[in-house]
N, C-alpha and C. Protein backbone atom coordinates (compact mmCIF):
# COMPACT_ATOMS: atom_id res chain seq x y z
N MET A 1 41.53 84.07 31.24
CA MET A 1 43.11 83.98 31.03
C MET A 1 44.52 82.65 30.33
N VAL A 2 42.91 81.49 30.69
CA VAL A 2 42.66 80.99 29.76
C VAL A 2 43.75 81.13 28.14
N ILE A 3 41.96 82.36 28.07
CA ILE A 3 42.68 82.26 26.25
C ILE A 3 43.18 83.31 26.33
N ILE A 4 43.94 84.06 26.86
CA ILE A 4 44.97 85.20 27.63
C ILE A 4 46.28 83.87 26.90
N GLY A 5 46.81 83.11 28.35
CA GLY A 5 47.63 82.03 27.90
C GLY A 5 47.86 81.05 26.97
N ALA A 6 46.33 81.31 26.13
CA ALA A 6 46.74 80.28 25.06
C ALA A 6 47.41 80.70 23.68
N VAL A 7 47.10 83.03 23.43
CA VAL A 7 47.06 83.51 22.81
C VAL A 7 48.62 83.79 22.83
N LEU A 8 49.53 84.35 24.48
CA LEU A 8 50.15 83.81 23.99
C LEU A 8 51.87 82.92 24.48
N MET A 9 51.16 82.17 24.28
CA MET A 9 52.14 80.86 24.40
C MET A 9 52.13 80.43 22.49
N LEU A 10 50.81 80.68 22.03
CA LEU A 10 51.55 80.46 20.21
C LEU A 10 52.05 81.92 19.23
N VAL A 11 51.78 82.58 20.29
CA VAL A 11 52.48 83.88 20.27
C VAL A 11 53.69 84.40 20.15
N GLY A 12 54.55 83.79 21.37
CA GLY A 12 55.24 83.53 21.36
C GLY A 12 56.38 81.88 20.71
N PHE A 13 55.58 80.65 20.48
CA PHE A 13 55.75 79.80 19.64
C PHE A 13 56.32 80.65 17.87
N LEU A 14 54.98 80.97 17.79
CA LEU A 14 55.38 81.70 16.26
C LEU A 14 57.23 82.78 15.79
N LEU A 15 56.89 84.01 16.55
CA LEU A 15 58.05 84.76 16.79
C LEU A 15 59.12 84.94 16.81
N GLY A 16 59.43 83.45 17.91
CA GLY A 16 60.49 82.67 18.97
C GLY A 16 60.75 83.55 20.31
N VAL A 17 60.01 84.19 20.53
CA VAL A 17 60.87 84.94 21.53
C VAL A 17 59.48 83.76 23.36
N PRO A 18 61.34 83.39 23.18
CA PRO A 18 60.74 82.63 25.09
C PRO A 18 60.53 83.22 25.40
N ILE A 19 59.79 83.68 25.79
CA ILE A 19 60.45 84.62 27.32
C ILE A 19 58.32 84.54 27.26
N LEU A 20 57.83 85.16 26.69
CA LEU A 20 56.30 84.89 25.87
C LEU A 20 55.80 83.92 26.10
N TRP A 21 56.65 82.69 25.92
CA TRP A 21 56.36 81.56 25.85
C TRP A 21 55.38 80.93 27.21
N SER A 22 56.90 81.52 28.14
CA SER A 22 56.43 81.37 29.53
C SER A 22 55.66 81.78 30.09
N VAL A 23 55.81 82.61 29.92
CA VAL A 23 54.70 83.76 30.23
C VAL A 23 53.04 82.87 29.73
N GLY A 24 52.69 82.20 28.89
CA GLY A 24 51.81 81.87 28.69
C GLY A 24 51.72 80.78 28.61
N VAL A 25 52.71 80.08 29.29
CA VAL A 25 52.35 78.49 30.34
C VAL A 25 52.04 79.66 31.02
N ILE A 26 52.97 79.86 32.11
CA ILE A 26 52.01 79.67 33.75
C ILE A 26 50.06 81.16 32.98
N VAL A 27 50.52 82.07 32.66
CA VAL A 27 49.22 82.32 33.29
C VAL A 27 47.86 80.83 32.34
N LEU A 28 48.67 80.20 31.93
CA LEU A 28 47.37 79.51 31.51
C LEU A 28 47.12 78.48 31.94
N ILE A 29 47.33 78.23 32.45
CA ILE A 29 47.65 77.04 34.33
C ILE A 29 46.45 77.75 35.09
N ILE A 30 47.57 78.78 35.63
CA ILE A 30 46.56 79.61 36.44
C ILE A 30 45.04 79.42 35.76
N GLY A 31 45.18 80.15 34.89
CA GLY A 31 44.14 80.23 34.69
C GLY A 31 42.75 78.63 34.48
N ILE A 32 43.37 77.35 34.52
CA ILE A 32 42.50 75.87 34.90
C ILE A 32 42.81 75.90 36.18
N VAL A 33 42.62 76.47 36.80
CA VAL A 33 43.53 75.92 37.78
C VAL A 33 42.23 76.80 39.03
N LEU A 34 42.10 78.15 38.34
CA LEU A 34 40.82 78.40 38.86
C LEU A 34 39.75 78.89 37.95
N TRP A 35 40.10 77.99 36.90
CA TRP A 35 38.57 77.43 35.92
C TRP A 35 37.69 76.37 37.26
N LEU A 36 38.96 75.45 37.25
CA LEU A 36 38.91 74.30 38.38
C LEU A 36 38.47 74.32 39.71
N MET A 37 37.62 75.45 40.11
CA MET A 37 37.84 75.62 41.83
C MET A 37 37.90 76.38 41.20
N GLY A 38 37.06 77.05 40.49
CA GLY A 38 35.37 78.04 40.09
C GLY A 38 34.21 76.83 39.93
N THR A 39 34.63 75.72 39.46
CA THR A 39 33.49 74.81 38.90
C THR A 39 33.24 73.65 39.88
N MET A 40 34.12 73.82 41.10
CA MET A 40 33.96 73.04 42.11
C MET A 40 32.76 73.07 43.54
N GLY A 41 33.09 75.03 43.13
CA GLY A 41 31.78 75.43 43.78
C GLY A 41 33.23 75.87 45.46
N HIS A 42 34.65 76.65 45.24
CA HIS A 42 35.26 77.15 45.76
C HIS A 42 35.20 78.08 45.35
N MET A 43 34.61 79.36 46.21
CA MET A 43 35.27 81.40 45.91
C MET A 43 36.26 81.69 45.95
N VAL A 44 36.38 82.12 44.64
CA VAL A 44 38.15 82.80 43.90
C VAL A 44 37.40 84.34 44.21
N GLY A 45 38.25 84.62 44.47
CA GLY A 45 38.21 86.20 44.28
C GLY A 45 36.83 86.53 44.94
N GLY A 46 36.10 85.70 45.93
CA GLY A 46 35.26 86.04 46.11
C GLY A 46 33.75 86.62 45.16
N ARG A 47 34.32 86.07 44.14
CA ARG A 47 32.76 84.93 44.01
C ARG A 47 32.64 83.61 43.80
N ARG A 48 31.77 83.19 43.05
CA ARG A 48 31.46 82.39 43.53
C ARG A 48 31.16 80.76 42.21
N HIS A 49 31.23 81.65 40.87
CA HIS A 49 31.32 81.21 39.86
C HIS A 49 32.99 82.03 39.47
N TYR A 50 34.37 81.02 38.99
CA TYR A 50 35.53 82.15 37.97
C TYR A 50 34.86 81.57 36.26
N TYR A 51 34.39 82.71 35.13
CA TYR A 51 34.28 82.19 34.16
C TYR A 51 35.72 82.66 33.88
């Protein structure tokens, strides 16, 4: 999700499409939160690790 968010942000910035930029930021933040929860040992979506 982190990579998808970064790609959406980049495409939104280069093409000047604000909705892609906004969605990219949201997906990036969600991906970082899930990644951090997974590295701290919390189960995310029934999995011990979130990659």
